[in-house]
């Protein structure tokens, strides 16, 4: 065993305090600010497209259970738009001015049942994306809001499946 020298006195032997709380979200496996803003904008675009398809479909249905269901979809999407816009602004993000391409694709379909089935597939795609992203959202309140949006999407998908099945 060797005797410590005077040079050893300047060596720091304690570990520094943990600073993981200061690490960037992306470093920790969470969505970074830019990724989170992009996700929220994508949800915003898809929701705006779904609301527009729902409004057009209400007019095409003229009444009955399909029109009522489309009113519910349109209302839900409009409510979620408010949350998404607030969250994007809170992140100092820029709101996307475009609507999801699914609007044009859906409106090109003349048959109302087929259009609603496409809307439902688009909503399913959004739900899958949101489900995959939720574990990577660090902000607990935002994660709760997005989980509630996911639940709403899943409920609406099930309602559309039911109405389309009964009316086919």
N, C-alpha and C. Protein backbone atom coordinates (compact mmCIF):
# COMPACT_ATOMS: atom_id res chain seq x y z
N UNK A 1 0.83 -1.17 0.00
CA UNK A 1 0.00 0.00 0.00
C UNK A 1 0.89 1.24 0.00
N UNK A 2 0.48 2.24 -0.78
CA UNK A 2 1.30 3.45 -0.88
C UNK A 2 0.73 4.53 0.00
N UNK A 3 1.62 5.39 0.37
CA UNK A 3 1.25 6.51 1.21
C UNK A 3 0.73 7.64 0.32
N UNK A 4 -0.43 8.28 0.67
CA UNK A 4 -0.94 9.37 -0.14
C UNK A 4 0.07 10.50 -0.22
N UNK A 5 0.17 11.08 -1.38
CA UNK A 5 1.08 12.20 -1.56
C UNK A 5 0.31 13.51 -1.42
N UNK A 6 1.03 14.60 -1.40
CA UNK A 6 0.38 15.91 -1.32
C UNK A 6 -0.46 16.21 -2.55
N UNK A 7 -0.09 15.62 -3.69
CA UNK A 7 -0.85 15.83 -4.92
C UNK A 7 -2.25 15.23 -4.83
N UNK A 8 -2.43 14.17 -4.05
CA UNK A 8 -3.72 13.50 -3.93
C UNK A 8 -4.75 14.37 -3.20
N UNK A 9 -4.31 15.34 -2.46
CA UNK A 9 -5.22 16.19 -1.70
C UNK A 9 -6.11 17.02 -2.62
N UNK A 10 -5.67 17.28 -3.84
CA UNK A 10 -6.46 18.11 -4.76
C UNK A 10 -7.48 17.28 -5.54
N UNK A 11 -7.46 15.98 -5.41
CA UNK A 11 -8.41 15.12 -6.13
C UNK A 11 -9.73 15.11 -5.38
N UNK A 12 -10.79 15.40 -6.11
CA UNK A 12 -12.12 15.38 -5.52
C UNK A 12 -12.62 13.95 -5.54
N UNK A 13 -13.03 13.43 -4.41
CA UNK A 13 -13.44 12.03 -4.34
C UNK A 13 -14.95 11.85 -4.20
N UNK A 14 -15.68 12.91 -3.98
CA UNK A 14 -17.13 12.75 -3.87
C UNK A 14 -17.76 12.95 -5.25
N UNK A 15 -18.88 12.26 -5.48
CA UNK A 15 -19.55 12.42 -6.77
C UNK A 15 -20.41 13.69 -6.73
N UNK A 16 -20.58 14.33 -7.88
CA UNK A 16 -21.39 15.56 -7.91
C UNK A 16 -22.87 15.22 -7.68
N UNK A 17 -23.61 16.21 -7.30
CA UNK A 17 -25.05 16.02 -7.11
C UNK A 17 -25.68 15.63 -8.44
N UNK A 18 -26.69 14.82 -8.38
CA UNK A 18 -27.38 14.38 -9.59
C UNK A 18 -28.03 15.58 -10.28
N UNK A 19 -27.80 15.69 -11.55
CA UNK A 19 -28.39 16.81 -12.29
C UNK A 19 -29.27 16.29 -13.43
N UNK A 20 -29.80 15.10 -13.28
CA UNK A 20 -30.65 14.53 -14.32
C UNK A 20 -31.90 15.37 -14.55
N UNK A 21 -32.37 16.07 -13.52
CA UNK A 21 -33.56 16.90 -13.67
C UNK A 21 -33.30 18.07 -14.63
N UNK A 22 -32.03 18.36 -14.88
CA UNK A 22 -31.68 19.45 -15.79
C UNK A 22 -31.49 18.95 -17.22
N UNK A 23 -31.54 17.64 -17.43
CA UNK A 23 -31.31 17.08 -18.76
C UNK A 23 -32.46 17.43 -19.70
N UNK A 24 -32.13 17.58 -20.95
CA UNK A 24 -33.10 17.87 -22.00
C UNK A 24 -34.09 16.70 -22.11
N UNK A 25 -35.36 17.03 -22.41
CA UNK A 25 -36.39 15.99 -22.53
C UNK A 25 -35.99 14.92 -23.54
N UNK A 26 -35.47 15.33 -24.69
CA UNK A 26 -35.09 14.38 -25.73
C UNK A 26 -33.99 13.44 -25.23
N UNK A 27 -33.06 13.97 -24.47
CA UNK A 27 -31.98 13.15 -23.91
C UNK A 27 -32.56 12.07 -22.99
N UNK A 28 -33.63 12.41 -22.30
CA UNK A 28 -34.25 11.49 -21.36
C UNK A 28 -35.23 10.52 -22.03
N UNK A 29 -35.39 10.62 -23.35
CA UNK A 29 -36.30 9.72 -24.06
C UNK A 29 -37.69 10.29 -24.27
N UNK A 30 -37.91 11.51 -23.81
CA UNK A 30 -39.20 12.16 -24.02
C UNK A 30 -39.17 12.95 -25.33
N UNK A 31 -40.34 13.35 -25.78
CA UNK A 31 -40.41 14.20 -26.96
C UNK A 31 -39.80 15.56 -26.62
N UNK A 32 -38.90 16.02 -27.47
CA UNK A 32 -38.36 17.35 -27.32
C UNK A 32 -39.41 18.38 -27.72
N UNK A 33 -39.12 19.63 -27.45
CA UNK A 33 -40.08 20.71 -27.73
C UNK A 33 -40.52 20.71 -29.20
N UNK A 34 -39.56 20.58 -30.12
CA UNK A 34 -39.91 20.60 -31.54
C UNK A 34 -40.75 19.38 -31.94
N UNK A 35 -40.38 18.21 -31.42
CA UNK A 35 -41.15 17.00 -31.72
C UNK A 35 -42.56 17.09 -31.14
N UNK A 36 -42.66 17.62 -29.94
CA UNK A 36 -43.96 17.75 -29.29
C UNK A 36 -44.83 18.75 -30.04
N UNK A 37 -44.24 19.86 -30.45
CA UNK A 37 -44.99 20.85 -31.22
C UNK A 37 -45.45 20.24 -32.54
N UNK A 38 -44.59 19.47 -33.19
CA UNK A 38 -44.96 18.81 -34.45
C UNK A 38 -46.12 17.83 -34.23
N UNK A 39 -46.06 17.05 -33.16
CA UNK A 39 -47.14 16.11 -32.85
C UNK A 39 -48.45 16.87 -32.63
N UNK A 40 -48.41 17.91 -31.81
CA UNK A 40 -49.62 18.67 -31.53
C UNK A 40 -50.18 19.31 -32.79
N UNK A 41 -49.30 19.80 -33.67
CA UNK A 41 -49.76 20.37 -34.94
C UNK A 41 -50.37 19.28 -35.83
N UNK A 42 -49.79 18.11 -35.83
CA UNK A 42 -50.35 17.01 -36.63
C UNK A 42 -51.74 16.64 -36.12
N UNK A 43 -51.90 16.59 -34.80
CA UNK A 43 -53.22 16.31 -34.22
C UNK A 43 -54.20 17.44 -34.55
N UNK A 44 -53.70 18.66 -34.51
CA UNK A 44 -54.51 19.84 -34.84
C UNK A 44 -54.99 19.77 -36.30
N UNK A 45 -54.08 19.46 -37.21
CA UNK A 45 -54.43 19.36 -38.63
C UNK A 45 -55.45 18.25 -38.87
N UNK A 46 -55.21 17.08 -38.27
CA UNK A 46 -56.12 15.94 -38.45
C UNK A 46 -57.49 16.24 -37.85
N UNK A 47 -57.50 16.89 -36.69
CA UNK A 47 -58.77 17.23 -36.05
C UNK A 47 -59.57 18.24 -36.85
N UNK A 48 -58.86 19.22 -37.39
CA UNK A 48 -59.53 20.21 -38.23
C UNK A 48 -60.13 19.55 -39.46
N UNK A 49 -59.39 18.63 -40.08
CA UNK A 49 -59.90 17.91 -41.25
C UNK A 49 -61.11 17.06 -40.87
N UNK A 50 -61.03 16.35 -39.75
CA UNK A 50 -62.15 15.51 -39.30
C UNK A 50 -63.39 16.35 -39.04
N UNK A 51 -63.22 17.51 -38.42
CA UNK A 51 -64.36 18.39 -38.13
C UNK A 51 -65.00 18.86 -39.44
N UNK A 52 -64.18 19.20 -40.42
CA UNK A 52 -64.71 19.66 -41.71
C UNK A 52 -65.45 18.53 -42.44
N UNK A 53 -64.88 17.33 -42.41
CA UNK A 53 -65.55 16.18 -43.03
C UNK A 53 -66.88 15.93 -42.32
N UNK A 54 -66.88 16.04 -41.00
CA UNK A 54 -68.11 15.82 -40.23
C UNK A 54 -69.18 16.84 -40.62
N UNK A 55 -68.80 18.10 -40.74
CA UNK A 55 -69.77 19.14 -41.12
C UNK A 55 -70.37 18.84 -42.49
N UNK A 56 -69.52 18.53 -43.45
CA UNK A 56 -70.01 18.20 -44.79
C UNK A 56 -70.90 16.97 -44.77
N UNK A 57 -70.55 16.01 -43.93
CA UNK A 57 -71.32 14.77 -43.85
C UNK A 57 -72.67 14.99 -43.17
N UNK A 58 -72.74 15.94 -42.24
CA UNK A 58 -74.03 16.29 -41.62
C UNK A 58 -74.98 16.76 -42.71
N UNK A 59 -74.50 17.63 -43.57
CA UNK A 59 -75.33 18.16 -44.65
C UNK A 59 -75.73 17.04 -45.61
N UNK A 60 -74.79 16.16 -45.93
CA UNK A 60 -75.09 15.06 -46.85
C UNK A 60 -76.08 14.07 -46.26
N UNK A 61 -76.00 13.84 -44.96
CA UNK A 61 -76.91 12.88 -44.31
C UNK A 61 -78.32 13.43 -44.21
N UNK A 62 -78.44 14.73 -44.03
CA UNK A 62 -79.76 15.36 -43.95
C UNK A 62 -80.50 15.13 -42.65
N UNK A 63 -80.09 14.22 -41.85
CA UNK A 63 -80.75 13.92 -40.58
C UNK A 63 -80.50 12.47 -40.21
N UNK A 64 -81.10 12.04 -39.13
CA UNK A 64 -80.97 10.65 -38.70
C UNK A 64 -79.72 10.39 -37.88
N UNK A 65 -79.45 9.10 -37.63
CA UNK A 65 -78.34 8.74 -36.73
C UNK A 65 -76.96 9.12 -37.27
N UNK A 66 -76.77 9.09 -38.57
CA UNK A 66 -75.46 9.46 -39.12
C UNK A 66 -75.22 10.95 -38.92
N UNK A 67 -76.23 11.78 -39.16
CA UNK A 67 -76.08 13.22 -38.96
C UNK A 67 -75.80 13.53 -37.48
N UNK A 68 -76.50 12.85 -36.58
CA UNK A 68 -76.27 13.06 -35.15
C UNK A 68 -74.86 12.66 -34.75
N UNK A 69 -74.41 11.53 -35.27
CA UNK A 69 -73.05 11.08 -34.97
C UNK A 69 -72.02 12.07 -35.50
N UNK A 70 -72.23 12.57 -36.69
CA UNK A 70 -71.29 13.54 -37.27
C UNK A 70 -71.29 14.84 -36.48
N UNK A 71 -72.45 15.22 -35.92
CA UNK A 71 -72.49 16.41 -35.05
C UNK A 71 -71.62 16.18 -33.81
N UNK A 72 -71.70 14.99 -33.25
CA UNK A 72 -70.89 14.67 -32.07
C UNK A 72 -69.41 14.71 -32.43
N UNK A 73 -69.04 14.12 -33.56
CA UNK A 73 -67.63 14.10 -34.00
C UNK A 73 -67.15 15.54 -34.19
N UNK A 74 -67.95 16.35 -34.87
CA UNK A 74 -67.57 17.74 -35.14
C UNK A 74 -67.40 18.50 -33.83
N UNK A 75 -68.32 18.32 -32.90
CA UNK A 75 -68.24 19.01 -31.61
C UNK A 75 -66.99 18.59 -30.84
N UNK A 76 -66.75 17.27 -30.77
CA UNK A 76 -65.57 16.77 -30.07
C UNK A 76 -64.29 17.34 -30.67
N UNK A 77 -64.20 17.30 -31.98
CA UNK A 77 -62.98 17.80 -32.63
C UNK A 77 -62.79 19.29 -32.38
N UNK A 78 -63.88 20.05 -32.42
CA UNK A 78 -63.78 21.50 -32.16
C UNK A 78 -63.29 21.75 -30.74
N UNK A 79 -63.79 20.98 -29.78
CA UNK A 79 -63.33 21.14 -28.39
C UNK A 79 -61.85 20.81 -28.26
N UNK A 80 -61.41 19.73 -28.89
CA UNK A 80 -60.00 19.34 -28.79
C UNK A 80 -59.09 20.35 -29.49
N UNK A 81 -59.62 21.02 -30.51
CA UNK A 81 -58.82 22.03 -31.19
C UNK A 81 -58.39 23.12 -30.22
N UNK A 82 -59.28 23.51 -29.33
CA UNK A 82 -58.98 24.54 -28.35
C UNK A 82 -57.80 24.13 -27.48
N UNK A 83 -57.84 22.90 -26.98
CA UNK A 83 -56.74 22.41 -26.13
C UNK A 83 -55.44 22.37 -26.92
N UNK A 84 -55.49 21.85 -28.14
CA UNK A 84 -54.27 21.73 -28.93
C UNK A 84 -53.66 23.09 -29.25
N UNK A 85 -54.50 24.03 -29.62
CA UNK A 85 -54.01 25.38 -29.94
C UNK A 85 -53.35 26.00 -28.71
N UNK A 86 -53.99 25.89 -27.55
CA UNK A 86 -53.40 26.44 -26.32
C UNK A 86 -52.05 25.80 -26.02
N UNK A 87 -51.95 24.50 -26.20
CA UNK A 87 -50.70 23.79 -25.90
C UNK A 87 -49.60 24.18 -26.88
N UNK A 88 -49.94 24.33 -28.15
CA UNK A 88 -48.94 24.74 -29.14
C UNK A 88 -48.43 26.14 -28.82
N UNK A 89 -49.33 27.04 -28.49
CA UNK A 89 -48.94 28.40 -28.13
C UNK A 89 -48.08 28.40 -26.87
N UNK A 90 -48.44 27.58 -25.89
CA UNK A 90 -47.67 27.50 -24.64
C UNK A 90 -46.23 27.02 -24.88
N UNK A 91 -46.04 26.24 -25.93
CA UNK A 91 -44.70 25.76 -26.29
C UNK A 91 -43.96 26.77 -27.17
N UNK A 92 -44.56 27.95 -27.36
CA UNK A 92 -44.03 28.97 -28.28
C UNK A 92 -43.95 28.43 -29.69
N UNK A 93 -44.84 27.49 -30.02
CA UNK A 93 -44.87 26.92 -31.36
C UNK A 93 -45.71 27.75 -32.30
N UNK A 94 -45.61 27.43 -33.56
CA UNK A 94 -46.38 28.09 -34.60
C UNK A 94 -47.48 27.15 -35.04
N UNK A 95 -48.72 27.65 -35.08
CA UNK A 95 -49.84 26.84 -35.52
C UNK A 95 -49.74 26.55 -37.00
N UNK A 96 -49.97 25.32 -37.35
CA UNK A 96 -49.97 24.95 -38.75
C UNK A 96 -51.24 25.47 -39.41
N UNK A 97 -51.13 26.12 -40.55
CA UNK A 97 -52.31 26.65 -41.22
C UNK A 97 -53.01 25.62 -42.10
N UNK A 98 -52.39 24.47 -42.29
CA UNK A 98 -52.97 23.51 -43.23
C UNK A 98 -53.86 22.49 -42.53
N UNK A 99 -54.70 21.89 -43.32
CA UNK A 99 -55.54 20.79 -42.84
C UNK A 99 -54.95 19.50 -43.37
N UNK A 100 -55.18 18.46 -42.66
CA UNK A 100 -54.70 17.15 -43.04
C UNK A 100 -55.23 16.79 -44.44
N UNK A 101 -54.43 16.11 -45.22
CA UNK A 101 -54.82 15.72 -46.58
C UNK A 101 -56.03 14.80 -46.58
N UNK A 102 -56.35 14.19 -45.45
CA UNK A 102 -57.49 13.27 -45.40
C UNK A 102 -58.81 13.98 -45.71
N UNK A 103 -58.87 15.31 -45.49
CA UNK A 103 -60.11 16.03 -45.82
C UNK A 103 -60.40 15.93 -47.32
N UNK A 104 -59.43 16.26 -48.16
CA UNK A 104 -59.64 16.20 -49.61
C UNK A 104 -59.93 14.79 -50.07
N UNK A 105 -59.22 13.83 -49.49
CA UNK A 105 -59.43 12.43 -49.85
C UNK A 105 -60.86 12.00 -49.48
N UNK A 106 -61.30 12.37 -48.28
CA UNK A 106 -62.65 11.98 -47.84
C UNK A 106 -63.72 12.67 -48.68
N UNK A 107 -63.53 13.95 -48.96
CA UNK A 107 -64.56 14.69 -49.69
C UNK A 107 -64.64 14.29 -51.16
N UNK A 108 -63.63 13.60 -51.66
CA UNK A 108 -63.66 13.10 -53.04
C UNK A 108 -64.56 11.87 -53.14
N UNK A 109 -64.98 11.32 -52.03
CA UNK A 109 -65.84 10.13 -52.01
C UNK A 109 -67.29 10.58 -51.92
N UNK A 110 -68.07 10.25 -52.95
CA UNK A 110 -69.47 10.68 -53.00
C UNK A 110 -70.35 9.87 -52.05
N UNK A 111 -70.07 8.58 -51.91
CA UNK A 111 -70.88 7.72 -51.06
C UNK A 111 -70.62 8.06 -49.59
N UNK A 112 -71.68 8.47 -48.88
CA UNK A 112 -71.54 8.91 -47.49
C UNK A 112 -70.98 7.81 -46.59
N UNK A 113 -71.44 6.59 -46.75
CA UNK A 113 -70.95 5.48 -45.93
C UNK A 113 -69.47 5.24 -46.12
N UNK A 114 -69.03 5.28 -47.38
CA UNK A 114 -67.60 5.10 -47.67
C UNK A 114 -66.78 6.26 -47.12
N UNK A 115 -67.33 7.47 -47.22
CA UNK A 115 -66.63 8.65 -46.71
C UNK A 115 -66.44 8.54 -45.19
N UNK A 116 -67.49 8.12 -44.51
CA UNK A 116 -67.42 8.00 -43.05
C UNK A 116 -66.47 6.87 -42.66
N UNK A 117 -66.46 5.79 -43.46
CA UNK A 117 -65.51 4.70 -43.19
C UNK A 117 -64.07 5.19 -43.33
N UNK A 118 -63.81 6.03 -44.33
CA UNK A 118 -62.47 6.61 -44.49
C UNK A 118 -62.14 7.53 -43.32
N UNK A 119 -63.11 8.35 -42.90
CA UNK A 119 -62.92 9.21 -41.73
C UNK A 119 -62.53 8.36 -40.52
N UNK A 120 -63.21 7.23 -40.37
CA UNK A 120 -62.93 6.36 -39.23
C UNK A 120 -61.52 5.77 -39.31
N UNK A 121 -61.09 5.39 -40.50
CA UNK A 121 -59.72 4.87 -40.65
C UNK A 121 -58.71 5.96 -40.33
N UNK A 122 -58.98 7.18 -40.77
CA UNK A 122 -58.08 8.30 -40.47
C UNK A 122 -58.03 8.55 -38.97
N UNK A 123 -59.19 8.50 -38.32
CA UNK A 123 -59.23 8.68 -36.87
C UNK A 123 -58.46 7.56 -36.17
N UNK A 124 -58.56 6.35 -36.71
CA UNK A 124 -57.81 5.22 -36.16
C UNK A 124 -56.31 5.43 -36.27
N UNK A 125 -55.89 5.97 -37.40
CA UNK A 125 -54.47 6.26 -37.60
C UNK A 125 -53.97 7.30 -36.60
N UNK A 126 -54.77 8.33 -36.37
CA UNK A 126 -54.42 9.36 -35.39
C UNK A 126 -54.35 8.73 -33.99
N UNK A 127 -55.31 7.88 -33.68
CA UNK A 127 -55.33 7.23 -32.36
C UNK A 127 -54.08 6.37 -32.14
N UNK A 128 -53.68 5.63 -33.16
CA UNK A 128 -52.47 4.80 -33.03
C UNK A 128 -51.24 5.66 -32.82
N UNK A 129 -51.13 6.75 -33.57
CA UNK A 129 -49.99 7.65 -33.41
C UNK A 129 -49.96 8.25 -32.00
N UNK A 130 -51.11 8.69 -31.54
CA UNK A 130 -51.21 9.28 -30.22
C UNK A 130 -50.89 8.24 -29.14
N UNK A 131 -51.39 7.05 -29.29
CA UNK A 131 -51.11 5.97 -28.33
C UNK A 131 -49.61 5.72 -28.22
N UNK A 132 -48.92 5.72 -29.36
CA UNK A 132 -47.48 5.50 -29.37
C UNK A 132 -46.69 6.66 -28.77
N UNK A 133 -47.22 7.86 -28.90
CA UNK A 133 -46.50 9.04 -28.42
C UNK A 133 -46.71 9.33 -26.94
N UNK A 134 -47.83 8.91 -26.39
CA UNK A 134 -48.17 9.26 -25.00
C UNK A 134 -47.07 8.95 -23.99
N UNK A 135 -46.43 7.78 -24.03
CA UNK A 135 -45.39 7.52 -23.03
C UNK A 135 -44.19 8.46 -23.13
N UNK A 136 -44.05 9.15 -24.25
CA UNK A 136 -42.91 10.04 -24.44
C UNK A 136 -43.24 11.50 -24.13
N UNK A 137 -44.45 11.76 -23.62
CA UNK A 137 -44.84 13.12 -23.24
C UNK A 137 -44.52 13.29 -21.76
N UNK A 138 -43.58 14.16 -21.46
CA UNK A 138 -43.10 14.32 -20.08
C UNK A 138 -44.08 15.09 -19.20
N UNK A 139 -44.69 16.13 -19.75
CA UNK A 139 -45.61 16.99 -18.99
C UNK A 139 -46.86 16.18 -18.62
N UNK A 140 -47.06 15.97 -17.33
CA UNK A 140 -48.16 15.14 -16.86
C UNK A 140 -49.54 15.67 -17.22
N UNK A 141 -49.72 16.98 -17.17
CA UNK A 141 -51.03 17.55 -17.51
C UNK A 141 -51.30 17.42 -19.00
N UNK A 142 -50.30 17.66 -19.81
CA UNK A 142 -50.48 17.49 -21.25
C UNK A 142 -50.73 16.01 -21.57
N UNK A 143 -49.97 15.12 -20.94
CA UNK A 143 -50.17 13.68 -21.16
C UNK A 143 -51.60 13.28 -20.80
N UNK A 144 -52.13 13.83 -19.70
CA UNK A 144 -53.52 13.53 -19.30
C UNK A 144 -54.51 14.07 -20.33
N UNK A 145 -54.28 15.28 -20.83
CA UNK A 145 -55.15 15.83 -21.88
C UNK A 145 -55.13 14.97 -23.13
N UNK A 146 -53.94 14.56 -23.53
CA UNK A 146 -53.81 13.74 -24.74
C UNK A 146 -54.40 12.35 -24.53
N UNK A 147 -54.28 11.81 -23.34
CA UNK A 147 -54.89 10.51 -23.04
C UNK A 147 -56.41 10.63 -23.12
N UNK A 148 -56.95 11.74 -22.67
CA UNK A 148 -58.40 11.97 -22.75
C UNK A 148 -58.82 12.12 -24.22
N UNK A 149 -58.00 12.81 -25.01
CA UNK A 149 -58.29 12.93 -26.44
C UNK A 149 -58.27 11.55 -27.09
N UNK A 150 -57.32 10.73 -26.73
CA UNK A 150 -57.24 9.37 -27.26
C UNK A 150 -58.50 8.59 -26.89
N UNK A 151 -58.93 8.69 -25.64
CA UNK A 151 -60.15 8.00 -25.22
C UNK A 151 -61.35 8.48 -26.04
N UNK A 152 -61.42 9.78 -26.27
CA UNK A 152 -62.51 10.34 -27.07
C UNK A 152 -62.47 9.81 -28.50
N UNK A 153 -61.28 9.78 -29.08
CA UNK A 153 -61.12 9.23 -30.43
C UNK A 153 -61.58 7.77 -30.49
N UNK A 154 -61.14 6.98 -29.51
CA UNK A 154 -61.51 5.57 -29.49
C UNK A 154 -63.01 5.38 -29.32
N UNK A 155 -63.64 6.22 -28.49
CA UNK A 155 -65.10 6.16 -28.33
C UNK A 155 -65.79 6.49 -29.65
N UNK A 156 -65.32 7.54 -30.32
CA UNK A 156 -65.94 7.95 -31.59
C UNK A 156 -65.74 6.89 -32.67
N UNK A 157 -64.58 6.27 -32.70
CA UNK A 157 -64.33 5.21 -33.67
C UNK A 157 -65.32 4.07 -33.45
N UNK A 158 -65.53 3.69 -32.20
CA UNK A 158 -66.48 2.62 -31.88
C UNK A 158 -67.90 3.02 -32.27
N UNK A 159 -68.28 4.28 -32.02
CA UNK A 159 -69.61 4.75 -32.40
C UNK A 159 -69.80 4.72 -33.91
N UNK A 160 -68.79 5.18 -34.64
CA UNK A 160 -68.88 5.15 -36.10
C UNK A 160 -69.00 3.72 -36.59
N UNK A 161 -68.18 2.83 -36.05
CA UNK A 161 -68.27 1.41 -36.45
C UNK A 161 -69.69 0.89 -36.24
N UNK A 162 -70.28 1.22 -35.10
CA UNK A 162 -71.63 0.75 -34.77
C UNK A 162 -72.67 1.32 -35.74
N UNK A 163 -72.63 2.63 -35.98
CA UNK A 163 -73.62 3.26 -36.86
C UNK A 163 -73.45 2.78 -38.29
N UNK A 164 -72.21 2.67 -38.76
CA UNK A 164 -71.98 2.20 -40.13
C UNK A 164 -72.47 0.77 -40.29
N UNK A 165 -72.20 -0.07 -39.28
CA UNK A 165 -72.65 -1.47 -39.34
C UNK A 165 -74.16 -1.55 -39.38
N UNK A 166 -74.86 -0.77 -38.54
CA UNK A 166 -76.33 -0.80 -38.51
C UNK A 166 -76.95 -0.23 -39.77
N UNK A 167 -76.24 0.69 -40.45
CA UNK A 167 -76.82 1.34 -41.63
C UNK A 167 -76.30 0.78 -42.95
N UNK A 168 -75.57 -0.35 -42.90
CA UNK A 168 -75.09 -0.90 -44.17
C UNK A 168 -75.95 -2.03 -44.65
